Amino acid sequence: MTIRHGPEVRRERFDSLDDAIGALRSHVEAIRSEGPLDSLSALRDFDPSQRVHARLEISTGGLLHSRDAGIDLMGDGSVIPYTGAVRRKELELRGGESPFDALGQALSGGGR
């Protein structure tokens, strides 16, 4: 797992996908507890919902058959799950599914 939060980049390894998703969930909650980001004005205005507070990515590893997916924690506290590393595609949540459930499905090959 790679955690990008502000200027800090950290990497963690896990023995199972469930452990990685559990740790990702914990990191999201810890960062979210810092509170929302402020609006930003730089060439144009960005409200907190347009700013990424942290990006947390999980890669299943492997050279040829790696799966990559993650969570963007936005400045307003919202969570956006996505799949892909270079070309990110936002995951749609299905019937009460949490962003973390969607992430687990994408990484385990659940047909997303």
C-alpha atoms as a PDB file:
ATOM      1  CA  MET A   1       0.000   0.000   0.000  1.00  0.00           C
ATOM      2  CA  THR A   2       1.202   3.495  -0.821  1.00  0.00           C
ATOM      3  CA  ILE A   3      -0.073   6.429   1.213  1.00  0.00           C
ATOM      4  CA  ARG A   4       0.346   9.939  -0.163  1.00  0.00           C
ATOM      5  CA  HIS A   5      -0.669  12.534   2.392  1.00  0.00           C
ATOM      6  CA  GLY A   6       0.619  16.039   1.888  1.00  0.00           C
ATOM      7  CA  PRO A   7       4.338  15.891   1.105  1.00  0.00           C
ATOM      8  CA  GLU A   8       4.705  12.524   2.857  1.00  0.00           C
ATOM      9  CA  VAL A   9       4.771   9.214   0.964  1.00  0.00           C
ATOM     10  CA  ARG A  10       4.766   5.967   2.939  1.00  0.00           C
ATOM     11  CA  ARG A  11       4.649   2.337   1.874  1.00  0.00           C
ATOM     12  CA  GLU A  12       3.369  -0.639   3.816  1.00  0.00           C
ATOM     13  CA  ARG A  13       3.219  -4.355   2.991  1.00  0.00           C
ATOM     14  CA  PHE A  14       0.573  -6.842   4.057  1.00  0.00           C
ATOM     15  CA  ASP A  15       0.177 -10.595   3.882  1.00  0.00           C
ATOM     16  CA  SER A  16      -3.448 -10.466   2.736  1.00  0.00           C
ATOM     17  CA  LEU A  17      -5.804  -8.218   0.807  1.00  0.00           C
ATOM     18  CA  ASP A  18      -8.164  -8.071   3.805  1.00  0.00           C
ATOM     19  CA  ASP A  19      -5.334  -6.816   6.019  1.00  0.00           C
ATOM     20  CA  ALA A  20      -4.392  -4.166   3.443  1.00  0.00           C
ATOM     21  CA  ILE A  21      -7.977  -2.933   3.078  1.00  0.00           C
ATOM     22  CA  GLY A  22      -8.404  -2.846   6.859  1.00  0.00           C
ATOM     23  CA  ALA A  23      -5.256  -0.754   7.224  1.00  0.00           C
ATOM     24  CA  LEU A  24      -6.335   1.512   4.358  1.00  0.00           C
ATOM     25  CA  ARG A  25      -9.686   2.076   6.103  1.00  0.00           C
ATOM     26  CA  SER A  26      -7.868   2.960   9.348  1.00  0.00           C
ATOM     27  CA  HIS A  27      -5.574   5.412   7.557  1.00  0.00           C
ATOM     28  CA  VAL A  28      -8.543   7.071   5.800  1.00  0.00           C
ATOM     29  CA  GLU A  29     -10.346   7.541   9.133  1.00  0.00           C
ATOM     30  CA  ALA A  30      -7.208   8.914  10.812  1.00  0.00           C
ATOM     31  CA  ILE A  31      -6.593  11.429   8.021  1.00  0.00           C
ATOM     32  CA  ARG A  32     -10.295  12.338   7.856  1.00  0.00           C
ATOM     33  CA  SER A  33     -10.187  13.135  11.605  1.00  0.00           C
ATOM     34  CA  GLU A  34      -7.750  15.972  10.823  1.00  0.00           C
ATOM     35  CA  GLY A  35     -10.759  17.875   9.507  1.00  0.00           C
ATOM     36  CA  PRO A  36     -11.551  19.344   6.104  1.00  0.00           C
ATOM     37  CA  LEU A  37      -9.111  21.224   3.926  1.00  0.00           C
ATOM     38  CA  ASP A  38      -9.576  24.931   3.267  1.00  0.00           C
ATOM     39  CA  SER A  39     -10.461  26.346  -0.119  1.00  0.00           C
ATOM     40  CA  LEU A  40      -7.470  27.220  -2.262  1.00  0.00           C
ATOM     41  CA  SER A  41      -6.958  29.975  -4.795  1.00  0.00           C
ATOM     42  CA  ALA A  42      -4.192  29.384  -7.345  1.00  0.00           C
ATOM     43  CA  LEU A  43      -4.880  30.483 -10.931  1.00  0.00           C
ATOM     44  CA  ARG A  44      -8.459  29.438 -10.127  1.00  0.00           C
ATOM     45  CA  ASP A  45     -10.431  28.651  -7.003  1.00  0.00           C
ATOM     46  CA  PHE A  46     -10.625  25.112  -5.620  1.00  0.00           C
ATOM     47  CA  ASP A  47     -13.171  24.246  -2.961  1.00  0.00           C
ATOM     48  CA  PRO A  48     -12.392  21.415  -0.526  1.00  0.00           C
ATOM     49  CA  SER A  49     -14.378  18.860  -2.572  1.00  0.00           C
ATOM     50  CA  GLN A  50     -12.002  19.481  -5.489  1.00  0.00           C
ATOM     51  CA  ARG A  51      -8.815  18.993  -3.462  1.00  0.00           C
ATOM     52  CA  VAL A  52      -7.310  15.579  -2.739  1.00  0.00           C
ATOM     53  CA  HIS A  53      -6.394  15.392   0.946  1.00  0.00           C
ATOM     54  CA  ALA A  54      -4.751  11.965   0.615  1.00  0.00           C
ATOM     55  CA  ARG A  55      -4.404   9.200  -1.966  1.00  0.00           C
ATOM     56  CA  LEU A  56      -4.111   5.626  -0.722  1.00  0.00           C
ATOM     57  CA  GLU A  57      -3.314   2.913  -3.268  1.00  0.00           C
ATOM     58  CA  ILE A  58      -3.083  -0.851  -3.061  1.00  0.00           C
ATOM     59  CA  SER A  59      -1.241  -2.914  -5.650  1.00  0.00           C
ATOM     60  CA  THR A  60      -1.509  -6.685  -5.723  1.00  0.00           C
ATOM     61  CA  GLY A  61       2.021  -6.812  -7.129  1.00  0.00           C
ATOM     62  CA  GLY A  62       3.225  -9.027  -9.909  1.00  0.00           C
ATOM     63  CA  LEU A  63       4.756  -7.904 -13.152  1.00  0.00           C
ATOM     64  CA  LEU A  64       2.139  -9.021 -15.657  1.00  0.00           C
ATOM     65  CA  HIS A  65      -1.073  -9.470 -13.691  1.00  0.00           C
ATOM     66  CA  SER A  66      -0.941  -6.701 -11.112  1.00  0.00           C
ATOM     67  CA  ARG A  67      -4.172  -5.037 -10.008  1.00  0.00           C
ATOM     68  CA  ASP A  68      -4.085  -1.480  -8.724  1.00  0.00           C
ATOM     69  CA  ALA A  69      -6.875   0.387  -6.976  1.00  0.00           C
ATOM     70  CA  GLY A  70      -7.216   2.991  -4.306  1.00  0.00           C
ATOM     71  CA  ILE A  71      -9.105   5.696  -2.509  1.00  0.00           C
ATOM     72  CA  ASP A  72      -8.928   9.439  -2.949  1.00  0.00           C
ATOM     73  CA  LEU A  73      -9.858  11.172   0.302  1.00  0.00           C
ATOM     74  CA  MET A  74     -11.114  14.557  -0.771  1.00  0.00           C
ATOM     75  CA  GLY A  75     -10.701  17.779   1.190  1.00  0.00           C
ATOM     76  CA  ASP A  76     -14.372  17.764   2.236  1.00  0.00           C
ATOM     77  CA  GLY A  77     -14.049  14.255   3.729  1.00  0.00           C
ATOM     78  CA  SER A  78     -15.678  12.403   0.847  1.00  0.00           C
ATOM     79  CA  VAL A  79     -14.116   9.154  -0.351  1.00  0.00           C
ATOM     80  CA  ILE A  80     -13.747   8.221  -4.030  1.00  0.00           C
ATOM     81  CA  PRO A  81     -12.720   4.640  -4.844  1.00  0.00           C
ATOM     82  CA  TYR A  82     -10.953   4.029  -8.140  1.00  0.00           C
ATOM     83  CA  THR A  83      -9.194   1.326 -10.076  1.00  0.00           C
ATOM     84  CA  GLY A  84      -6.080   1.619 -12.217  1.00  0.00           C
ATOM     85  CA  ALA A  85      -2.722   3.195 -11.627  1.00  0.00           C
ATOM     86  CA  VAL A  86      -2.018   5.434 -14.592  1.00  0.00           C
ATOM     87  CA  ARG A  87      -5.556   5.640 -15.951  1.00  0.00           C
ATOM     88  CA  ARG A  88      -7.768   5.861 -12.913  1.00  0.00           C
ATOM     89  CA  LYS A  89     -11.427   4.944 -13.297  1.00  0.00           C
ATOM     90  CA  GLU A  90     -13.853   5.838 -10.529  1.00  0.00           C
ATOM     91  CA  LEU A  91     -15.681   2.819  -9.146  1.00  0.00           C
ATOM     92  CA  GLU A  92     -19.458   2.966  -8.923  1.00  0.00           C
ATOM     93  CA  LEU A  93     -20.889   1.814  -5.619  1.00  0.00           C
ATOM     94  CA  ARG A  94     -23.573  -0.851  -5.899  1.00  0.00           C
ATOM     95  CA  GLY A  95     -26.578  -1.156  -3.591  1.00  0.00           C
ATOM     96  CA  GLY A  96     -25.292   0.059  -0.232  1.00  0.00           C
ATOM     97  CA  GLU A  97     -21.733  -1.066  -0.929  1.00  0.00           C
ATOM     98  CA  SER A  98     -19.017   0.897   0.879  1.00  0.00           C
ATOM     99  CA  PRO A  99     -16.063   2.378  -1.026  1.00  0.00           C
ATOM    100  CA  PHE A 100     -13.867  -0.177   0.777  1.00  0.00           C
ATOM    101  CA  ASP A 101     -16.079  -3.075  -0.365  1.00  0.00           C
ATOM    102  CA  ALA A 102     -15.844  -1.803  -3.956  1.00  0.00           C
ATOM    103  CA  LEU A 103     -12.076  -1.577  -3.627  1.00  0.00           C
ATOM    104  CA  GLY A 104     -11.860  -5.153  -2.343  1.00  0.00           C
ATOM    105  CA  GLN A 105     -14.005  -6.414  -5.235  1.00  0.00           C
ATOM    106  CA  ALA A 106     -11.844  -4.596  -7.784  1.00  0.00           C
ATOM    107  CA  LEU A 107      -8.609  -5.948  -6.331  1.00  0.00           C
ATOM    108  CA  SER A 108      -9.833  -9.507  -5.940  1.00  0.00           C
ATOM    109  CA  GLY A 109     -10.937  -9.680  -9.576  1.00  0.00           C
ATOM    110  CA  GLY A 110     -14.634  -9.239  -8.845  1.00  0.00           C
ATOM    111  CA  GLY A 111     -15.444  -8.149 -12.395  1.00  0.00           C
ATOM    112  CA  ARG A 112     -15.159  -4.390 -12.172  1.00  0.00           C
END
